[in-house]
């Protein structure tokens, strides 16, 4: 099977690419040492890796096997099976991780996900950020649904939304609000409000302001 450039200007398939790689069109696109790689269109896109695909966009780069970028600008996939659907300046740095869209998002945990948003970081295995901005999910199975400047650093922790919320409790939850913390004891929960702290095992603060539940099974409504 032959490598092919079907149209466009200044597109290149390297001599070290042996078979079945294709550039459909666009400008200044490059496939290097990548059997069965594909670039559809766009400008200055680079594919390096067997079975790698860039559909379009500009200045996008894939550098491992079976990677995919749909479009956008300045997106990078440096890990096997990684996917960026679109957006700008997003980075997939771990195997089989996914970024849907947005700007400057990063997945560096294996099989981690950032669906969208801005400058979000999913840095642990199976961690996920669905949207928002400047959120960090840094523990296995941690999830942040949205909001801004939120951080989950405990396994199975969850933040729904809000601003500057923190979960360090295993299975801990902060549903929303601002400056709330679910700390230390497992399954600590803050429902909402502002500047609340739940730090005992199964402790809960439902809402309000500057409340602290620190004993086991403690509850503040």
Protein backbone atom coordinates (compact mmCIF):
# COMPACT_ATOMS: atom_id res chain seq x y z
CA UNK A 1 0.00 0.00 0.00
CA UNK A 2 1.25 3.48 -0.86
CA UNK A 3 1.44 6.70 1.08
CA UNK A 4 -0.49 9.51 -0.60
CA UNK A 5 -0.80 13.29 -0.66
CA UNK A 6 -4.01 14.10 -2.48
CA UNK A 7 -4.02 17.91 -2.53
CA UNK A 8 -2.85 21.07 -0.78
CA UNK A 9 0.48 22.88 -0.60
CA UNK A 10 3.80 22.01 1.04
CA UNK A 11 2.50 18.84 2.68
CA UNK A 12 5.03 16.11 3.50
CA UNK A 13 5.05 12.39 4.20
CA UNK A 14 8.52 11.30 5.28
CA UNK A 15 10.50 8.63 3.51
CA UNK A 16 10.50 6.55 6.69
CA UNK A 17 6.72 6.20 6.51
CA UNK A 18 6.23 2.88 4.78
CA UNK A 19 2.57 2.37 3.98
CA UNK A 20 -1.00 3.61 3.91
CA UNK A 21 -0.50 7.10 5.33
CA UNK A 22 -2.57 9.89 3.74
CA UNK A 23 -2.71 13.69 3.68
CA UNK A 24 -5.95 14.79 2.02
CA UNK A 25 -5.21 18.52 1.81
CA UNK A 26 -4.26 21.68 3.61
CA UNK A 27 -0.90 23.37 3.95
CA UNK A 28 2.41 22.54 5.59
CA UNK A 29 1.11 19.35 7.17
CA UNK A 30 3.57 16.55 7.98
CA UNK A 31 3.40 12.82 8.63
CA UNK A 32 6.67 11.43 9.97
CA UNK A 33 7.59 7.77 10.49
CA UNK A 34 3.93 6.86 10.93
CA UNK A 35 2.37 3.96 9.09
CA UNK A 36 -1.41 4.25 8.54
CA UNK A 37 -1.46 7.87 9.76
CA UNK A 38 -3.96 10.43 8.44
CA UNK A 39 -4.22 14.22 8.16
CA UNK A 40 -7.41 15.54 6.61
CA UNK A 41 -6.74 19.25 6.19
CA UNK A 42 -5.64 22.36 8.04
CA UNK A 43 -2.28 24.02 8.46
CA UNK A 44 1.02 22.99 10.05
CA UNK A 45 -0.33 19.86 11.68
CA UNK A 46 2.11 17.05 12.55
CA UNK A 47 1.39 13.33 12.94
CA UNK A 48 3.97 10.95 14.39
CA UNK A 49 2.66 7.54 15.43
CA UNK A 50 1.08 4.47 13.89
CA UNK A 51 -2.63 4.92 13.25
CA UNK A 52 -2.54 8.56 14.35
CA UNK A 53 -5.20 10.94 13.02
CA UNK A 54 -5.55 14.73 12.72
CA UNK A 55 -8.77 15.71 10.98
CA UNK A 56 -7.95 19.42 10.68
CA UNK A 57 -7.11 22.61 12.47
CA UNK A 58 -3.81 24.39 12.89
CA UNK A 59 -0.54 23.64 14.68
CA UNK A 60 -1.89 20.43 16.15
CA UNK A 61 0.49 17.58 16.99
CA UNK A 62 0.16 13.87 17.76
CA UNK A 63 3.25 11.90 18.71
CA UNK A 64 2.18 8.42 19.79
CA UNK A 65 0.27 5.46 18.35
CA UNK A 66 -3.51 5.47 17.77
CA UNK A 67 -3.95 9.11 18.77
CA UNK A 68 -6.61 11.54 17.53
CA UNK A 69 -7.14 15.28 17.19
CA UNK A 70 -10.36 16.47 15.57
CA UNK A 71 -9.50 20.14 15.11
CA UNK A 72 -8.71 23.36 16.89
CA UNK A 73 -5.42 25.17 17.32
CA UNK A 74 -2.25 24.19 19.11
CA UNK A 75 -3.52 20.95 20.61
CA UNK A 76 -1.09 18.19 21.57
CA UNK A 77 -1.46 14.45 22.17
CA UNK A 78 1.72 12.80 23.49
CA UNK A 79 0.31 9.49 24.72
CA UNK A 80 -0.99 6.27 23.21
CA UNK A 81 -4.70 6.28 22.46
CA UNK A 82 -5.11 9.90 23.56
CA UNK A 83 -7.87 12.08 22.12
CA UNK A 84 -8.48 15.82 21.73
CA UNK A 85 -11.72 16.59 19.92
CA UNK A 86 -11.12 20.32 19.58
CA UNK A 87 -10.37 23.60 21.31
CA UNK A 88 -7.09 25.43 21.71
CA UNK A 89 -3.80 24.60 23.40
CA UNK A 90 -5.08 21.47 25.10
CA UNK A 91 -2.63 18.71 26.10
CA UNK A 92 -3.16 14.97 26.55
CA UNK A 93 -0.09 13.57 28.27
CA UNK A 94 -1.26 10.15 29.52
CA UNK A 95 -2.42 6.98 27.81
CA UNK A 96 -6.05 6.76 26.68
CA UNK A 97 -6.95 10.14 28.13
CA UNK A 98 -9.50 12.51 26.61
CA UNK A 99 -10.10 16.24 26.18
CA UNK A 100 -13.31 17.31 24.51
CA UNK A 101 -12.82 21.02 23.98
CA UNK A 102 -11.93 24.27 25.73
CA UNK A 103 -8.63 26.04 26.20
CA UNK A 104 -5.39 25.06 27.91
CA UNK A 105 -6.78 21.95 29.56
CA UNK A 106 -4.44 19.09 30.52
CA UNK A 107 -4.90 15.39 31.23
CA UNK A 108 -1.82 13.73 32.71
CA UNK A 109 -3.37 10.80 34.55
CA UNK A 110 -3.99 7.52 32.70
CA UNK A 111 -7.52 7.40 31.28
CA UNK A 112 -8.32 10.82 32.72
CA UNK A 113 -10.88 13.18 31.19
CA UNK A 114 -11.39 16.92 30.73
CA UNK A 115 -14.60 17.49 28.82
CA UNK A 116 -14.13 21.23 28.43
CA UNK A 117 -13.51 24.51 30.16
CA UNK A 118 -10.37 26.53 30.66
CA UNK A 119 -7.04 25.60 32.25
CA UNK A 120 -8.37 22.53 34.01
CA UNK A 121 -6.00 19.72 35.07
CA UNK A 122 -6.89 16.04 35.53
CA UNK A 123 -3.62 14.63 36.82
CA UNK A 124 -4.50 11.24 38.32
CA UNK A 125 -5.76 7.94 36.94
CA UNK A 126 -9.47 7.95 36.07
CA UNK A 127 -9.85 11.55 37.27
CA UNK A 128 -12.37 13.75 35.47
CA UNK A 129 -13.23 17.42 35.05
CA UNK A 130 -16.39 18.20 33.14
CA UNK A 131 -16.03 21.97 32.81
CA UNK A 132 -15.25 25.23 34.53
CA UNK A 133 -11.90 26.92 34.91
CA UNK A 134 -8.69 26.39 36.83
CA UNK A 135 -9.93 23.22 38.49
CA UNK A 136 -7.58 20.40 39.57
CA UNK A 137 -8.48 16.73 40.04
CA UNK A 138 -5.31 15.18 41.45
CA UNK A 139 -6.43 11.85 42.95
CA UNK A 140 -7.63 8.61 41.39
CA UNK A 141 -11.35 8.70 40.52
CA UNK A 142 -11.65 12.35 41.59
CA UNK A 143 -14.39 14.31 39.82
CA UNK A 144 -15.07 18.03 39.41
CA UNK A 145 -18.25 18.88 37.52
CA UNK A 146 -17.61 22.60 37.16
CA UNK A 147 -16.91 25.88 38.87
CA UNK A 148 -13.63 27.71 39.29
CA UNK A 149 -10.45 27.16 41.28
CA UNK A 150 -11.75 23.98 42.87
CA UNK A 151 -9.49 21.06 43.86
CA UNK A 152 -10.08 17.40 44.69
CA UNK A 153 -7.00 15.62 46.04
CA UNK A 154 -8.62 12.50 47.54
CA UNK A 155 -9.76 9.28 45.91
CA UNK A 156 -13.41 9.27 44.86
CA UNK A 157 -13.82 12.89 45.98
CA UNK A 158 -16.35 15.12 44.21
CA UNK A 159 -17.01 18.83 43.71
CA UNK A 160 -20.15 19.86 41.88
CA UNK A 161 -19.53 23.55 41.27
CA UNK A 162 -18.71 26.82 42.99
CA UNK A 163 -15.46 28.61 43.69
CA UNK A 164 -12.35 27.72 45.66
CA UNK A 165 -13.78 24.59 47.18
CA UNK A 166 -11.54 21.75 48.40
CA UNK A 167 -11.97 18.02 48.98
CA UNK A 168 -9.27 15.99 50.72
CA UNK A 169 -11.67 13.45 52.29
CA UNK A 170 -11.92 10.03 50.64
CA UNK A 171 -15.42 9.88 49.12
CA UNK A 172 -15.79 13.49 50.28
CA UNK A 173 -18.25 15.84 48.60
CA UNK A 174 -18.66 19.57 48.19
CA UNK A 175 -21.78 20.18 46.13
CA UNK A 176 -21.20 23.88 45.59
CA UNK A 177 -20.73 27.25 47.19
CA UNK A 178 -17.45 29.01 47.88
CA UNK A 179 -14.41 28.34 50.05
CA UNK A 180 -15.93 25.14 51.43
CA UNK A 181 -13.81 22.16 52.53
CA UNK A 182 -14.44 18.44 53.03
CA UNK A 183 -11.34 17.34 54.94
CA UNK A 184 -9.66 14.32 56.53
CA UNK A 185 -12.48 11.99 57.67
CA UNK A 186 -13.95 9.75 54.99
CA UNK A 187 -17.28 10.73 53.43
CA UNK A 188 -17.26 14.28 54.75
CA UNK A 189 -19.87 16.44 52.98
CA UNK A 190 -20.59 20.12 52.47
CA UNK A 191 -23.81 20.91 50.64
CA UNK A 192 -23.18 24.56 49.89
CA UNK A 193 -22.83 27.97 51.43
CA UNK A 194 -19.57 29.69 52.20
CA UNK A 195 -16.47 28.92 54.23
CA UNK A 196 -17.88 25.74 55.74
CA UNK A 197 -15.75 22.78 56.90
CA UNK A 198 -16.67 19.11 57.33
CA UNK A 199 -13.74 17.18 58.78
CA UNK A 200 -15.09 14.16 60.66
CA UNK A 201 -15.98 10.72 59.35
CA UNK A 202 -19.46 10.98 57.81
CA UNK A 203 -19.70 14.59 58.99
CA UNK A 204 -22.01 17.01 57.15
CA UNK A 205 -22.53 20.72 56.80
CA UNK A 206 -25.65 21.33 54.73
CA UNK A 207 -25.06 25.03 54.14
CA UNK A 208 -24.73 28.42 55.72
CA UNK A 209 -21.56 30.34 56.49
CA UNK A 210 -18.46 29.51 58.53
CA UNK A 211 -19.85 26.32 60.03
CA UNK A 212 -17.59 23.45 61.12
CA UNK A 213 -18.59 19.81 61.66
CA UNK A 214 -15.56 17.96 63.03
CA UNK A 215 -16.95 14.95 64.91
CA UNK A 216 -17.87 11.55 63.56
CA UNK A 217 -21.37 11.58 62.08
CA UNK A 218 -21.70 15.25 62.99
CA UNK A 219 -24.38 17.29 61.26
CA UNK A 220 -25.00 21.02 60.85
CA UNK A 221 -28.09 21.97 58.88
